[in-house]
C-alpha atoms as a PDB file:
ATOM      1  CA  MET A   1      20.659  10.340   8.211  1.00  0.00           C
ATOM      2  CA  LYS A   2      20.508  13.713   9.963  1.00  0.00           C
ATOM      3  CA  ASP A   3      19.355  16.738   8.007  1.00  0.00           C
ATOM      4  CA  HIS A   4      22.163  18.711   6.409  1.00  0.00           C
ATOM      5  CA  VAL A   5      22.963  21.139   3.599  1.00  0.00           C
ATOM      6  CA  VAL A   6      26.076  21.453   1.438  1.00  0.00           C
ATOM      7  CA  ARG A   7      27.564  24.180  -0.745  1.00  0.00           C
ATOM      8  CA  ALA A   8      29.737  23.042  -3.640  1.00  0.00           C
ATOM      9  CA  THR A   9      31.427  24.077  -6.873  1.00  0.00           C
ATOM     10  CA  ALA A  10      32.267  22.249 -10.097  1.00  0.00           C
ATOM     11  CA  ALA A  11      33.623  22.789 -13.611  1.00  0.00           C
ATOM     12  CA  GLU A  12      36.500  24.970 -12.394  1.00  0.00           C
ATOM     13  CA  GLY A  13      34.151  27.391 -10.664  1.00  0.00           C
ATOM     14  CA  MET A  14      31.722  27.744 -13.565  1.00  0.00           C
ATOM     15  CA  VAL A  15      29.022  25.969 -11.557  1.00  0.00           C
ATOM     16  CA  ARG A  16      27.931  26.455  -7.980  1.00  0.00           C
ATOM     17  CA  ALA A  17      25.555  24.043  -6.314  1.00  0.00           C
ATOM     18  CA  PHE A  18      23.587  23.602  -3.103  1.00  0.00           C
ATOM     19  CA  ALA A  19      21.875  20.439  -1.890  1.00  0.00           C
ATOM     20  CA  ALA A  20      20.040  19.480   1.288  1.00  0.00           C
ATOM     21  CA  VAL A  21      18.351  16.606   3.073  1.00  0.00           C
ATOM     22  CA  THR A  22      15.415  18.049   5.061  1.00  0.00           C
ATOM     23  CA  THR A  23      13.403  14.985   6.078  1.00  0.00           C
ATOM     24  CA  ASP A  24      13.372  15.623   9.840  1.00  0.00           C
ATOM     25  CA  THR A  25      12.812  19.344   9.294  1.00  0.00           C
ATOM     26  CA  VAL A  26       9.652  18.696   7.287  1.00  0.00           C
ATOM     27  CA  ARG A  27       8.503  16.035   9.744  1.00  0.00           C
ATOM     28  CA  GLU A  28       8.773  18.612  12.528  1.00  0.00           C
ATOM     29  CA  ALA A  29       6.750  21.119  10.495  1.00  0.00           C
ATOM     30  CA  ARG A  30       4.058  18.536   9.759  1.00  0.00           C
ATOM     31  CA  GLU A  31       3.688  17.623  13.427  1.00  0.00           C
ATOM     32  CA  LEU A  32       3.687  21.235  14.653  1.00  0.00           C
ATOM     33  CA  HIS A  33       1.039  22.385  12.197  1.00  0.00           C
ATOM     34  CA  GLY A  34      -1.012  19.206  11.682  1.00  0.00           C
ATOM     35  CA  LEU A  35      -0.498  19.446   7.943  1.00  0.00           C
ATOM     36  CA  SER A  36      -2.505  17.575   5.333  1.00  0.00           C
ATOM     37  CA  PRO A  37      -0.438  15.655   2.744  1.00  0.00           C
ATOM     38  CA  VAL A  38      -0.627  18.380   0.089  1.00  0.00           C
ATOM     39  CA  ALA A  39       0.129  21.082   2.670  1.00  0.00           C
ATOM     40  CA  SER A  40       3.105  19.011   3.876  1.00  0.00           C
ATOM     41  CA  ALA A  41       4.426  18.818   0.316  1.00  0.00           C
ATOM     42  CA  ALA A  42       3.948  22.549  -0.299  1.00  0.00           C
ATOM     43  CA  LEU A  43       5.487  23.720   2.960  1.00  0.00           C
ATOM     44  CA  GLY A  44       8.214  21.058   2.791  1.00  0.00           C
ATOM     45  CA  ARG A  45       9.346  22.193  -0.653  1.00  0.00           C
ATOM     46  CA  THR A  46       9.400  25.825   0.448  1.00  0.00           C
ATOM     47  CA  LEU A  47      11.291  25.054   3.662  1.00  0.00           C
ATOM     48  CA  THR A  48      13.861  23.144   1.601  1.00  0.00           C
ATOM     49  CA  GLY A  49      14.151  26.035  -0.840  1.00  0.00           C
ATOM     50  CA  ALA A  50      14.778  28.425   2.057  1.00  0.00           C
ATOM     51  CA  VAL A  51      17.452  26.111   3.500  1.00  0.00           C
ATOM     52  CA  LEU A  52      19.251  25.967   0.143  1.00  0.00           C
ATOM     53  CA  MET A  53      19.059  29.718  -0.422  1.00  0.00           C
ATOM     54  CA  SER A  54      20.283  30.419   3.115  1.00  0.00           C
ATOM     55  CA  LYS A  55      23.692  29.123   2.001  1.00  0.00           C
ATOM     56  CA  MET A  56      23.903  32.114  -0.321  1.00  0.00           C
ATOM     57  CA  LEU A  57      23.775  34.557   2.615  1.00  0.00           C
ATOM     58  CA  LYS A  58      27.064  36.099   3.711  1.00  0.00           C
ATOM     59  CA  GLY A  59      26.535  37.710   7.123  1.00  0.00           C
ATOM     60  CA  GLU A  60      26.132  35.884  10.427  1.00  0.00           C
ATOM     61  CA  LYS A  61      22.863  37.706  11.182  1.00  0.00           C
ATOM     62  CA  ASP A  62      21.432  37.700   7.646  1.00  0.00           C
ATOM     63  CA  THR A  63      17.984  36.175   7.169  1.00  0.00           C
ATOM     64  CA  LEU A  64      15.970  35.055   4.163  1.00  0.00           C
ATOM     65  CA  THR A  65      12.181  34.983   3.887  1.00  0.00           C
ATOM     66  CA  LEU A  66      10.184  33.256   1.143  1.00  0.00           C
ATOM     67  CA  GLN A  67       6.561  34.349   0.820  1.00  0.00           C
ATOM     68  CA  ILE A  68       4.232  32.610  -1.617  1.00  0.00           C
ATOM     69  CA  ARG A  69       0.687  33.865  -2.072  1.00  0.00           C
ATOM     70  CA  GLY A  70      -1.775  32.271  -4.481  1.00  0.00           C
ATOM     71  CA  ASP A  71      -5.495  32.158  -5.147  1.00  0.00           C
ATOM     72  CA  GLY A  72      -5.843  28.451  -4.334  1.00  0.00           C
ATOM     73  CA  PRO A  73      -7.248  26.925  -1.123  1.00  0.00           C
ATOM     74  CA  LEU A  74      -3.840  26.783   0.591  1.00  0.00           C
ATOM     75  CA  GLY A  75      -3.812  30.591   0.641  1.00  0.00           C
ATOM     76  CA  GLY A  76      -0.113  31.154   1.117  1.00  0.00           C
ATOM     77  CA  ILE A  77       3.200  30.001   2.567  1.00  0.00           C
ATOM     78  CA  VAL A  78       5.812  31.805   4.664  1.00  0.00           C
ATOM     79  CA  THR A  79       9.272  30.418   5.492  1.00  0.00           C
ATOM     80  CA  VAL A  80      12.225  32.093   7.200  1.00  0.00           C
ATOM     81  CA  SER A  81      15.826  30.879   7.438  1.00  0.00           C
ATOM     82  CA  ASP A  82      18.935  32.320   9.034  1.00  0.00           C
ATOM     83  CA  SER A  83      22.432  32.009   7.583  1.00  0.00           C
ATOM     84  CA  HIS A  84      22.970  28.718   9.469  1.00  0.00           C
ATOM     85  CA  ALA A  85      20.000  26.953   7.840  1.00  0.00           C
ATOM     86  CA  ASN A  86      17.756  27.145  10.894  1.00  0.00           C
ATOM     87  CA  VAL A  87      14.371  27.369   9.221  1.00  0.00           C
ATOM     88  CA  ARG A  88      10.738  27.806  10.214  1.00  0.00           C
ATOM     89  CA  GLY A  89       7.479  28.277   8.347  1.00  0.00           C
ATOM     90  CA  TYR A  90       3.725  27.903   8.081  1.00  0.00           C
ATOM     91  CA  VAL A  91       0.891  27.733   5.559  1.00  0.00           C
ATOM     92  CA  TYR A  92      -2.296  29.761   5.791  1.00  0.00           C
ATOM     93  CA  ASN A  93      -4.595  26.735   5.602  1.00  0.00           C
ATOM     94  CA  PRO A  94      -2.818  23.602   6.879  1.00  0.00           C
ATOM     95  CA  HIS A  95      -5.786  21.262   6.409  1.00  0.00           C
ATOM     96  CA  VAL A  96      -6.326  21.521   2.637  1.00  0.00           C
ATOM     97  CA  HIS A  97      -7.254  18.252   0.910  1.00  0.00           C
ATOM     98  CA  LEU A  98      -7.338  17.944  -2.880  1.00  0.00           C
ATOM     99  CA  PRO A  99      -7.634  15.022  -5.327  1.00  0.00           C
ATOM    100  CA  LEU A 100      -4.397  13.853  -6.924  1.00  0.00           C
ATOM    101  CA  ASN A 101      -3.451  15.648 -10.134  1.00  0.00           C
ATOM    102  CA  SER A 102      -3.526  14.135 -13.632  1.00  0.00           C
ATOM    103  CA  MET A 103      -0.128  12.504 -13.006  1.00  0.00           C
ATOM    104  CA  GLY A 104      -1.362  10.817  -9.837  1.00  0.00           C
ATOM    105  CA  LYS A 105       0.679  13.117  -7.578  1.00  0.00           C
ATOM    106  CA  LEU A 106      -0.171  15.587  -4.823  1.00  0.00           C
ATOM    107  CA  ASP A 107      -1.621  18.710  -6.432  1.00  0.00           C
ATOM    108  CA  VAL A 108       0.658  21.360  -4.923  1.00  0.00           C
ATOM    109  CA  SER A 109       0.052  23.705  -7.856  1.00  0.00           C
ATOM    110  CA  GLY A 110      -3.706  23.387  -7.434  1.00  0.00           C
ATOM    111  CA  ALA A 111      -3.437  24.026  -3.699  1.00  0.00           C
ATOM    112  CA  ILE A 112      -1.442  27.219  -4.223  1.00  0.00           C
ATOM    113  CA  GLY A 113      -3.433  28.364  -7.245  1.00  0.00           C
ATOM    114  CA  PRO A 114      -2.495  29.519 -10.755  1.00  0.00           C
ATOM    115  CA  ASN A 115      -2.402  33.233  -9.910  1.00  0.00           C
ATOM    116  CA  GLY A 116      -0.086  34.681  -7.310  1.00  0.00           C
ATOM    117  CA  TYR A 117       3.426  35.779  -6.508  1.00  0.00           C
ATOM    118  CA  LEU A 118       6.694  34.827  -4.831  1.00  0.00           C
ATOM    119  CA  ASN A 119       8.518  37.323  -2.637  1.00  0.00           C
ATOM    120  CA  VAL A 120      12.148  36.803  -1.632  1.00  0.00           C
ATOM    121  CA  ILE A 121      13.132  39.076   1.245  1.00  0.00           C
ATOM    122  CA  LYS A 122      16.766  39.261   2.334  1.00  0.00           C
ATOM    123  CA  ASP A 123      17.570  41.114   5.562  1.00  0.00           C
ATOM    124  CA  LEU A 124      21.284  41.804   5.180  1.00  0.00           C
ATOM    125  CA  GLY A 125      21.652  44.229   8.074  1.00  0.00           C
ATOM    126  CA  LEU A 126      21.210  47.300   5.870  1.00  0.00           C
ATOM    127  CA  LYS A 127      18.698  50.112   6.362  1.00  0.00           C
ATOM    128  CA  GLU A 128      16.185  48.401   4.101  1.00  0.00           C
ATOM    129  CA  PRO A 129      15.830  44.704   3.213  1.00  0.00           C
ATOM    130  CA  TYR A 130      16.230  43.508  -0.354  1.00  0.00           C
ATOM    131  CA  ILE A 131      12.867  42.426  -1.780  1.00  0.00           C
ATOM    132  CA  GLY A 132      12.555  40.431  -4.995  1.00  0.00           C
ATOM    133  CA  TYR A 133       9.078  39.905  -6.479  1.00  0.00           C
ATOM    134  CA  VAL A 134       7.966  37.620  -9.321  1.00  0.00           C
ATOM    135  CA  ASN A 135       4.646  36.235 -10.433  1.00  0.00           C
ATOM    136  CA  LEU A 136       4.147  32.501 -10.006  1.00  0.00           C
ATOM    137  CA  VAL A 137       4.835  30.515 -13.157  1.00  0.00           C
ATOM    138  CA  SER A 138       3.500  27.128 -12.032  1.00  0.00           C
ATOM    139  CA  GLY A 139       2.825  27.018  -8.289  1.00  0.00           C
ATOM    140  CA  GLU A 140       5.065  23.956  -8.072  1.00  0.00           C
ATOM    141  CA  ILE A 141       7.555  26.075  -6.050  1.00  0.00           C
ATOM    142  CA  ALA A 142      10.819  24.752  -7.562  1.00  0.00           C
ATOM    143  CA  GLU A 143       9.998  26.247 -10.963  1.00  0.00           C
ATOM    144  CA  ASP A 144       8.918  29.493  -9.311  1.00  0.00           C
ATOM    145  CA  ILE A 145      12.208  29.806  -7.403  1.00  0.00           C
ATOM    146  CA  ALA A 146      14.152  29.075 -10.612  1.00  0.00           C
ATOM    147  CA  TYR A 147      12.177  31.819 -12.365  1.00  0.00           C
ATOM    148  CA  TYR A 148      12.980  34.222  -9.520  1.00  0.00           C
ATOM    149  CA  PHE A 149      16.719  33.607  -9.981  1.00  0.00           C
ATOM    150  CA  ALA A 150      16.477  34.107 -13.743  1.00  0.00           C
ATOM    151  CA  TYR A 151      14.276  37.206 -13.596  1.00  0.00           C
ATOM    152  CA  SER A 152      15.438  39.023 -10.440  1.00  0.00           C
ATOM    153  CA  GLU A 153      19.085  37.980 -10.140  1.00  0.00           C
ATOM    154  CA  GLN A 154      19.867  37.024 -13.780  1.00  0.00           C
ATOM    155  CA  ILE A 155      21.358  33.684 -12.690  1.00  0.00           C
ATOM    156  CA  PRO A 156      20.432  30.628 -14.810  1.00  0.00           C
ATOM    157  CA  SER A 157      19.397  28.012 -12.252  1.00  0.00           C
ATOM    158  CA  VAL A 158      18.004  24.521 -11.975  1.00  0.00           C
ATOM    159  CA  VAL A 159      15.916  23.977  -8.852  1.00  0.00           C
ATOM    160  CA  SER A 160      14.630  20.561  -7.798  1.00  0.00           C
ATOM    161  CA  LEU A 161      12.615  20.074  -4.607  1.00  0.00           C
ATOM    162  CA  GLY A 162      10.794  16.975  -3.410  1.00  0.00           C
ATOM    163  CA  VAL A 163       8.777  15.657  -0.476  1.00  0.00           C
ATOM    164  CA  LEU A 164       7.716  12.006  -0.449  1.00  0.00           C
ATOM    165  CA  ILE A 165       4.569  11.344   1.604  1.00  0.00           C
ATOM    166  CA  ASN A 166       3.749   7.912   3.038  1.00  0.00           C
ATOM    167  CA  PRO A 167       0.198   6.527   2.634  1.00  0.00           C
ATOM    168  CA  ASP A 168      -0.539   7.444   6.262  1.00  0.00           C
ATOM    169  CA  GLY A 169       0.438  11.071   5.645  1.00  0.00           C
ATOM    170  CA  THR A 170       3.831  10.930   7.362  1.00  0.00           C
ATOM    171  CA  ILE A 171       7.020  12.149   5.672  1.00  0.00           C
ATOM    172  CA  ALA A 172       9.155   9.463   4.019  1.00  0.00           C
ATOM    173  CA  ASN A 173      11.878  11.848   2.840  1.00  0.00           C
ATOM    174  CA  SER A 174      12.477  15.414   1.751  1.00  0.00           C
ATOM    175  CA  GLY A 175      15.270  17.351   0.092  1.00  0.00           C
ATOM    176  CA  GLY A 176      16.412  19.216  -2.973  1.00  0.00           C
ATOM    177  CA  PHE A 177      19.164  20.990  -4.846  1.00  0.00           C
ATOM    178  CA  ILE A 178      19.943  24.204  -6.718  1.00  0.00           C
ATOM    179  CA  ILE A 179      22.531  24.283  -9.509  1.00  0.00           C
ATOM    180  CA  GLN A 180      23.602  27.617 -10.971  1.00  0.00           C
ATOM    181  CA  LEU A 181      25.765  28.639 -13.912  1.00  0.00           C
ATOM    182  CA  MET A 182      28.296  31.396 -13.377  1.00  0.00           C
ATOM    183  CA  PRO A 183      28.956  34.109 -15.997  1.00  0.00           C
ATOM    184  CA  GLY A 184      31.158  32.837 -18.822  1.00  0.00           C
ATOM    185  CA  ALA A 185      29.915  29.234 -18.777  1.00  0.00           C
ATOM    186  CA  GLU A 186      30.444  27.674 -22.192  1.00  0.00           C
ATOM    187  CA  GLU A 187      27.694  26.154 -24.310  1.00  0.00           C
ATOM    188  CA  GLU A 188      29.260  22.693 -24.029  1.00  0.00           C
ATOM    189  CA  LEU A 189      28.925  22.802 -20.237  1.00  0.00           C
ATOM    190  CA  ILE A 190      25.329  23.959 -20.493  1.00  0.00           C
ATOM    191  CA  SER A 191      24.445  21.106 -22.853  1.00  0.00           C
ATOM    192  CA  TYR A 192      26.224  18.602 -20.599  1.00  0.00           C
ATOM    193  CA  LEU A 193      24.288  19.725 -17.530  1.00  0.00           C
ATOM    194  CA  GLU A 194      20.983  19.698 -19.404  1.00  0.00           C
ATOM    195  CA  GLY A 195      21.561  16.100 -20.458  1.00  0.00           C
ATOM    196  CA  ARG A 196      22.513  15.012 -16.947  1.00  0.00           C
ATOM    197  CA  ILE A 197      19.593  16.744 -15.277  1.00  0.00           C
ATOM    198  CA  ASN A 198      17.040  15.496 -17.799  1.00  0.00           C
ATOM    199  CA  SER A 199      18.090  11.891 -17.142  1.00  0.00           C
ATOM    200  CA  LEU A 200      18.120  12.264 -13.355  1.00  0.00           C
ATOM    201  CA  PRO A 201      15.449  10.526 -11.248  1.00  0.00           C
ATOM    202  CA  PRO A 202      13.320  12.712  -8.940  1.00  0.00           C
ATOM    203  CA  VAL A 203      14.894  13.996  -5.729  1.00  0.00           C
ATOM    204  CA  THR A 204      12.724  11.697  -3.632  1.00  0.00           C
ATOM    205  CA  ALA A 205      13.957   8.669  -5.605  1.00  0.00           C
ATOM    206  CA  LEU A 206      17.575   9.665  -4.962  1.00  0.00           C
ATOM    207  CA  LEU A 207      16.834  10.056  -1.260  1.00  0.00           C
ATOM    208  CA  SER A 208      15.092   6.680  -1.204  1.00  0.00           C
ATOM    209  CA  GLU A 209      18.372   5.185  -2.440  1.00  0.00           C
ATOM    210  CA  GLY A 210      20.007   6.509   0.730  1.00  0.00           C
ATOM    211  CA  ARG A 211      21.913   9.350  -0.921  1.00  0.00           C
ATOM    212  CA  ASP A 212      23.010  12.309   1.161  1.00  0.00           C
ATOM    213  CA  ALA A 213      23.178  15.890  -0.130  1.00  0.00           C
ATOM    214  CA  GLU A 214      26.499  15.392  -1.926  1.00  0.00           C
ATOM    215  CA  GLY A 215      25.194  12.118  -3.336  1.00  0.00           C
ATOM    216  CA  MET A 216      22.338  13.965  -5.032  1.00  0.00           C
ATOM    217  CA  LEU A 217      24.803  16.256  -6.803  1.00  0.00           C
ATOM    218  CA  ASP A 218      27.254  13.528  -7.813  1.00  0.00           C
ATOM    219  CA  PRO A 219      25.280  12.127 -10.808  1.00  0.00           C
ATOM    220  CA  ILE A 220      25.178  15.644 -12.277  1.00  0.00           C
ATOM    221  CA  LEU A 221      28.545  17.127 -11.369  1.00  0.00           C
ATOM    222  CA  GLY A 222      30.719  14.212 -10.246  1.00  0.00           C
ATOM    223  CA  GLU A 223      32.565  14.046 -13.573  1.00  0.00           C
ATOM    224  CA  ARG A 224      33.100  17.812 -13.611  1.00  0.00           C
ATOM    225  CA  GLY A 225      35.184  18.138 -10.457  1.00  0.00           C
ATOM    226  CA  LEU A 226      32.470  18.373  -7.822  1.00  0.00           C
ATOM    227  CA  ALA A 227      34.016  19.862  -4.650  1.00  0.00           C
ATOM    228  CA  VAL A 228      32.047  20.413  -1.448  1.00  0.00           C
ATOM    229  CA  ALA A 229      33.066  23.686   0.188  1.00  0.00           C
ATOM    230  CA  ASP A 230      31.133  23.215   3.420  1.00  0.00           C
ATOM    231  CA  ARG A 231      28.489  21.074   5.057  1.00  0.00           C
ATOM    232  CA  GLU A 232      26.372  21.964   8.070  1.00  0.00           C
ATOM    233  CA  PRO A 233      23.234  20.711   9.803  1.00  0.00           C
ATOM    234  CA  CYS A 234      19.841  22.211   9.090  1.00  0.00           C
ATOM    235  CA  MET A 235      16.773  22.022  11.285  1.00  0.00           C
ATOM    236  CA  TYR A 236      13.355  23.425  12.054  1.00  0.00           C
ATOM    237  CA  LYS A 237      13.939  26.068  14.717  1.00  0.00           C
ATOM    238  CA  CYS A 238      11.634  28.832  15.922  1.00  0.00           C
ATOM    239  CA  ASN A 239      13.105  31.905  17.599  1.00  0.00           C
ATOM    240  CA  CYS A 240       9.934  33.140  19.287  1.00  0.00           C
ATOM    241  CA  SER A 241      10.099  34.239  22.931  1.00  0.00           C
ATOM    242  CA  ARG A 242       8.062  36.068  25.530  1.00  0.00           C
ATOM    243  CA  ASP A 243      10.209  39.166  24.985  1.00  0.00           C
ATOM    244  CA  ARG A 244       9.351  39.168  21.262  1.00  0.00           C
ATOM    245  CA  MET A 245       5.650  38.849  22.074  1.00  0.00           C
ATOM    246  CA  GLU A 246       5.925  41.735  24.539  1.00  0.00           C
ATOM    247  CA  ARG A 247       7.467  43.896  21.807  1.00  0.00           C
ATOM    248  CA  ASN A 248       4.586  42.950  19.507  1.00  0.00           C
ATOM    249  CA  LEU A 249       2.090  44.086  22.135  1.00  0.00           C
ATOM    250  CA  VAL A 250       3.963  47.327  22.779  1.00  0.00           C
ATOM    251  CA  SER A 251       3.910  48.081  19.039  1.00  0.00           C
ATOM    252  CA  LEU A 252       0.094  48.171  19.181  1.00  0.00           C
ATOM    253  CA  GLY A 253       0.134  51.256  21.408  1.00  0.00           C
ATOM    254  CA  PRO A 254      -1.407  52.000  24.824  1.00  0.00           C
ATOM    255  CA  LYS A 255      -4.969  52.422  23.492  1.00  0.00           C
ATOM    256  CA  ASP A 256      -5.176  48.921  22.007  1.00  0.00           C
ATOM    257  CA  ILE A 257      -3.580  47.404  25.099  1.00  0.00           C
ATOM    258  CA  LEU A 258      -6.151  49.147  27.318  1.00  0.00           C
ATOM    259  CA  ASP A 259      -8.910  47.742  25.078  1.00  0.00           C
ATOM    260  CA  MET A 260      -7.521  44.221  25.698  1.00  0.00           C
ATOM    261  CA  ILE A 261      -7.600  44.845  29.438  1.00  0.00           C
ATOM    262  CA  ARG A 262     -11.202  46.087  29.368  1.00  0.00           C
ATOM    263  CA  GLU A 263     -12.599  43.543  26.907  1.00  0.00           C
ATOM    264  CA  GLN A 264     -10.482  40.417  27.450  1.00  0.00           C
ATOM    265  CA  HIS A 265      -8.916  40.999  30.891  1.00  0.00           C
ATOM    266  CA  GLY A 266      -5.610  39.898  29.420  1.00  0.00           C
ATOM    267  CA  ALA A 267      -4.162  38.620  26.155  1.00  0.00           C
ATOM    268  CA  GLU A 268      -3.075  35.375  24.542  1.00  0.00           C
ATOM    269  CA  LEU A 269      -0.566  35.520  21.689  1.00  0.00           C
ATOM    270  CA  GLN A 270       0.297  32.509  19.556  1.00  0.00           C
ATOM    271  CA  CYS A 271       3.391  32.097  17.380  1.00  0.00           C
ATOM    272  CA  TYR A 272       2.556  31.356  13.748  1.00  0.00           C
ATOM    273  CA  PHE A 273       5.709  29.284  13.286  1.00  0.00           C
ATOM    274  CA  CYS A 274       5.566  26.881  16.251  1.00  0.00           C
ATOM    275  CA  ASN A 275       2.035  27.455  17.675  1.00  0.00           C
ATOM    276  CA  LYS A 276       3.396  28.152  21.157  1.00  0.00           C
ATOM    277  CA  LYS A 277       1.021  30.303  23.220  1.00  0.00           C
ATOM    278  CA  TYR A 278       2.004  33.164  25.521  1.00  0.00           C
ATOM    279  CA  GLN A 279      -0.368  34.394  28.240  1.00  0.00           C
ATOM    280  CA  PHE A 280      -0.438  37.990  29.502  1.00  0.00           C
ATOM    281  CA  SER A 281      -2.534  38.938  32.529  1.00  0.00           C
ATOM    282  CA  GLU A 282      -4.110  42.345  33.150  1.00  0.00           C
ATOM    283  CA  GLU A 283      -1.162  43.142  35.419  1.00  0.00           C
ATOM    284  CA  ASP A 284       1.301  42.168  32.668  1.00  0.00           C
ATOM    285  CA  LEU A 285      -0.449  44.458  30.189  1.00  0.00           C
ATOM    286  CA  ARG A 286      -0.610  47.386  32.602  1.00  0.00           C
ATOM    287  CA  ALA A 287       3.116  46.970  33.267  1.00  0.00           C
ATOM    288  CA  LEU A 288       3.787  47.224  29.523  1.00  0.00           C
ATOM    289  CA  ILE A 289       1.852  50.495  29.401  1.00  0.00           C
ATOM    290  CA  ASP A 290       3.734  51.818  32.433  1.00  0.00           C
ATOM    291  CA  ASP A 291       7.060  50.913  30.831  1.00  0.00           C
ATOM    292  CA  GLN A 292       6.165  53.051  27.828  1.00  0.00           C
END
């Protein structure tokens, strides 16, 4: 099953929902960054969250960034998605190893740490990006994103994210969903959804059954008129280029570039998102100064 994301409605428009299968996306991230199991789970959940939230963007060139910073050994997570669910990301320390938590599961919360914050940055083509900031409530990522929606956007939301790791550290499956109540939702609908969600198996169990994105939503919303509005592929995709790296060098200013020429006789820049390296010779650097 290829990775994909869907946007849907139910209950005569009183519910909107987003669901995604991100298994190949997270596999790509694991291979690019050499992630440990707990780092794979943490980055995989955040990548999936970014994919789901990208479906809330309106403009063709809009982008969404999730930044998580905690005081645990993982350090932090950064993911970026465009409006077509092309996503990329990295963790500060990809090689973190921790014992399993008290429930026998990967300790994502312990890796991120109990104290920290989540930033949601939306670049909507305006003069300034929208920035939403909340403190972490658990470090489990799904709960933190749900808290962001409740606190910063006043939208009651259920967020479920999961990454299943094989014993050898590879990715068995990955995906998640977000379900949101629209203003005016009646108490009966709220109680119905609570009952359905509380009886639902974990996301990874649903994916192990072979369910696609719509199939994950069906047990919750199928009896309330679930209607998929659109479905599109999602993937891990970095947009780095030599031109972008040149602009990064130019932003340093002539003095710093001259220091690189004197001290390093060139420069090597590496993309955080895909680890690709770009080499710049002394002649390349001098040409950048001349262009300025």
